[in-house]
Amino acid sequence: GPDGHQRKWSIPNLSPNESQRSRNYRETVMIFACINFERKTYFQFVEHTWKARDYAKVLKVMFDEMHNDDEDDEYVLYQDNASIHTVQLTMGVLEAEDIQSAYAPARSPDLNPIENAWTQLSRLVHAIEPSYDTKEELEEVILKSLNKLDQMYVANLCSSEPWRLLKTIFANGEKIPY
């Protein structure tokens, strides 16, 4: 199901009382992260579905962290049009913190470089073990794998953004052939 758990039907008085894991059971986690040309930045495991106040709070912390590292750098927040990205609270934080933002259409992974970084991170995690029995075990491997994610790869993703936009325009908004 949507919570990542797989369950099976049971027969009263014959089946065990507790839920049984299938052989394909896998733990999943949600992650919020940021990348830029120079480094992988803010990273956080997400424990529940975020509301706008959760997102706004993390944006402020993330941009404060990046500005403390280098006040002269300018950053653009690249996000899709998810409701927590466009509500008044989020827009107020972006304005108050002087954070520039760019919006991509929904379901446009070709335009968002972090989608490729997620794919690469997933490959690194699953190369170690195809599935994990506990959430903690998975989180530990994700953190180790994040450190192995090559910064040159991330920089290339970020610098490819103008090319991605141009290719998307030429493809009339369709998926970009790689």
Protein backbone atom coordinates (compact mmCIF):
# COMPACT_ATOMS: atom_id res chain seq x y z
CA GLY A 1 0.00 0.00 0.00
CA PRO A 2 0.97 3.67 0.03
CA ASP A 3 2.71 3.25 3.39
CA GLY A 4 5.12 0.71 1.85
CA HIS A 5 3.67 -2.23 3.79
CA GLN A 6 2.42 -5.34 2.07
CA ARG A 7 -0.18 -7.38 3.91
CA LYS A 8 -2.10 -10.57 3.19
CA TRP A 9 -5.57 -11.82 3.98
CA SER A 10 -5.94 -14.04 7.00
CA ILE A 11 -8.42 -16.74 7.92
CA PRO A 12 -9.87 -16.40 11.47
CA ASN A 13 -8.64 -19.08 13.89
CA LEU A 14 -6.18 -20.44 11.30
CA SER A 15 -3.85 -17.55 10.47
CA PRO A 16 -1.43 -15.90 12.90
CA ASN A 17 -2.87 -12.82 14.63
CA GLU A 18 -0.04 -10.47 13.67
CA SER A 19 0.47 -9.06 10.20
CA GLN A 20 2.94 -11.01 8.13
CA ARG A 21 5.56 -9.44 5.90
CA SER A 22 5.75 -10.66 2.36
CA ARG A 23 9.15 -11.60 0.94
CA ASN A 24 9.08 -8.36 -1.02
CA TYR A 25 8.64 -6.17 2.06
CA ARG A 26 10.75 -3.02 1.89
CA GLU A 27 11.12 -0.04 4.18
CA THR A 28 10.89 3.38 2.55
CA VAL A 29 11.74 6.87 3.72
CA MET A 30 11.04 10.37 2.49
CA ILE A 31 13.88 12.86 2.15
CA PHE A 32 14.12 16.60 1.69
CA ALA A 33 17.42 17.79 0.28
CA CYS A 34 19.03 20.54 -1.71
CA ILE A 35 21.86 20.48 -4.22
CA ASN A 36 23.79 23.22 -5.90
CA PHE A 37 26.77 23.53 -8.18
CA GLU A 38 29.34 23.65 -5.38
CA ARG A 39 28.00 21.17 -2.84
CA LYS A 40 25.20 19.00 -1.56
CA THR A 41 23.51 21.09 1.07
CA TYR A 42 20.63 20.72 3.49
CA PHE A 43 19.38 17.15 4.02
CA GLN A 44 16.54 15.93 6.23
CA PHE A 45 14.52 12.75 6.66
CA VAL A 46 10.80 13.52 6.56
CA GLU A 47 8.77 11.72 9.22
CA HIS A 48 5.28 12.68 8.03
CA THR A 49 3.53 14.36 5.13
CA TRP A 50 4.50 18.01 5.28
CA LYS A 51 2.16 20.90 5.59
CA ALA A 52 3.08 24.41 4.43
CA ARG A 53 4.41 25.41 7.87
CA ASP A 54 6.83 22.43 7.85
CA TYR A 55 8.10 23.35 4.40
CA ALA A 56 8.41 27.06 5.19
CA LYS A 57 10.36 26.30 8.38
CA VAL A 58 12.82 24.04 6.54
CA LEU A 59 13.27 26.59 3.74
CA LYS A 60 14.27 29.22 6.27
CA VAL A 61 16.74 26.88 8.01
CA MET A 62 18.17 25.67 4.70
CA PHE A 63 18.74 29.14 3.26
CA ASP A 64 20.11 30.47 6.55
CA GLU A 65 22.63 27.59 6.48
CA MET A 66 23.63 28.34 2.88
CA HIS A 67 23.92 32.10 3.48
CA ASN A 68 26.05 31.51 6.59
CA ASP A 69 28.42 29.42 4.46
CA ASP A 70 28.78 32.11 1.82
CA GLU A 71 26.83 35.37 1.98
CA ASP A 72 27.90 36.45 -1.51
CA ASP A 73 26.37 33.48 -3.33
CA GLU A 74 22.93 33.86 -4.84
CA TYR A 75 20.60 30.88 -4.85
CA VAL A 76 17.46 30.11 -6.77
CA LEU A 77 15.00 27.66 -5.26
CA TYR A 78 13.77 25.32 -7.97
CA GLN A 79 10.46 23.70 -7.15
CA ASP A 80 7.32 22.39 -8.79
CA ASN A 81 3.85 23.72 -8.18
CA ALA A 82 2.97 21.45 -5.25
CA SER A 83 0.48 23.19 -2.97
CA ILE A 84 3.00 23.63 -0.12
CA HIS A 85 5.31 25.43 -2.58
CA THR A 86 2.72 27.99 -3.64
CA VAL A 87 0.66 28.83 -0.55
CA GLN A 88 0.78 32.30 0.98
CA LEU A 89 2.90 31.17 3.96
CA THR A 90 5.65 29.79 1.71
CA MET A 91 5.52 32.81 -0.58
CA GLY A 92 5.85 35.05 2.49
CA VAL A 93 8.98 33.20 3.65
CA LEU A 94 10.51 33.43 0.18
CA GLU A 95 9.85 37.17 0.11
CA ALA A 96 10.97 37.84 3.70
CA GLU A 97 14.19 35.86 3.22
CA ASP A 98 14.77 37.34 -0.27
CA ILE A 99 14.86 33.86 -1.82
CA GLN A 100 14.49 33.78 -5.59
CA SER A 101 12.45 30.88 -6.89
CA ALA A 102 11.68 29.22 -10.20
CA TYR A 103 8.69 26.97 -10.74
CA ALA A 104 8.53 23.95 -13.00
CA PRO A 105 5.34 22.36 -14.22
CA ALA A 106 4.11 19.41 -12.18
CA ARG A 107 5.54 16.01 -13.14
CA SER A 108 8.47 17.47 -15.06
CA PRO A 109 11.47 15.46 -13.82
CA ASP A 110 13.50 16.36 -16.92
CA LEU A 111 13.62 19.95 -15.69
CA ASN A 112 14.61 19.31 -12.09
CA PRO A 113 18.25 18.25 -11.66
CA ILE A 114 17.66 16.80 -8.21
CA GLU A 115 15.45 14.08 -9.74
CA ASN A 116 18.57 12.67 -11.43
CA ALA A 117 20.47 12.96 -8.15
CA TRP A 118 17.69 10.94 -6.42
CA THR A 119 18.03 8.23 -9.06
CA GLN A 120 21.79 8.06 -8.59
CA LEU A 121 21.44 8.00 -4.79
CA SER A 122 18.89 5.19 -5.07
CA ARG A 123 21.30 3.19 -7.22
CA LEU A 124 24.06 3.63 -4.65
CA VAL A 125 21.74 2.55 -1.80
CA HIS A 126 20.39 -0.50 -3.61
CA ALA A 127 23.84 -1.57 -4.81
CA ILE A 128 24.68 -2.22 -1.15
CA GLU A 129 21.46 -4.12 -0.41
CA PRO A 130 18.31 -4.44 -2.54
CA SER A 131 15.99 -3.98 0.47
CA TYR A 132 16.23 -3.20 4.17
CA ASP A 133 14.39 -4.64 7.15
CA THR A 134 14.36 -1.51 9.28
CA LYS A 135 13.93 2.15 8.58
CA GLU A 136 17.02 2.93 10.68
CA GLU A 137 19.15 0.57 8.60
CA LEU A 138 17.92 2.21 5.40
CA GLU A 139 18.55 5.72 6.74
CA GLU A 140 22.11 4.80 7.75
CA VAL A 141 22.89 3.49 4.26
CA ILE A 142 21.30 6.56 2.65
CA LEU A 143 23.58 8.85 4.68
CA LYS A 144 26.66 6.81 3.72
CA SER A 145 25.59 6.77 0.07
CA LEU A 146 24.94 10.51 0.06
CA ASN A 147 28.59 11.04 0.94
CA LYS A 148 29.54 8.84 -2.04
CA LEU A 149 27.39 10.86 -4.46
CA ASP A 150 30.02 12.49 -6.65
CA GLN A 151 29.98 16.30 -6.44
CA MET A 152 31.17 16.62 -10.04
CA TYR A 153 28.09 14.62 -11.08
CA VAL A 154 25.89 17.01 -9.07
CA ALA A 155 27.64 20.06 -10.57
CA ASN A 156 27.09 18.67 -14.07
CA LEU A 157 23.40 18.21 -13.30
CA CYS A 158 23.12 21.82 -12.16
CA SER A 159 25.06 23.22 -15.10
CA SER A 160 22.91 21.21 -17.54
CA GLU A 161 19.78 23.15 -16.57
CA PRO A 162 19.85 25.62 -19.52
CA TRP A 163 20.30 22.67 -21.90
CA ARG A 164 17.37 20.83 -20.26
CA LEU A 165 15.12 23.86 -20.66
CA LEU A 166 16.06 24.32 -24.29
CA LYS A 167 15.59 20.62 -25.10
CA THR A 168 12.18 20.68 -23.39
CA ILE A 169 11.12 23.65 -25.51
CA PHE A 170 12.24 21.86 -28.69
CA ALA A 171 10.38 18.72 -27.56
CA ASN A 172 7.18 20.78 -27.08
CA GLY A 173 7.15 19.95 -23.38
CA GLU A 174 7.46 16.20 -23.93
CA LYS A 175 10.02 13.92 -22.27
CA ILE A 176 13.59 14.73 -23.28
CA PRO A 177 15.36 11.94 -25.18
CA TYR A 178 18.74 11.17 -23.58
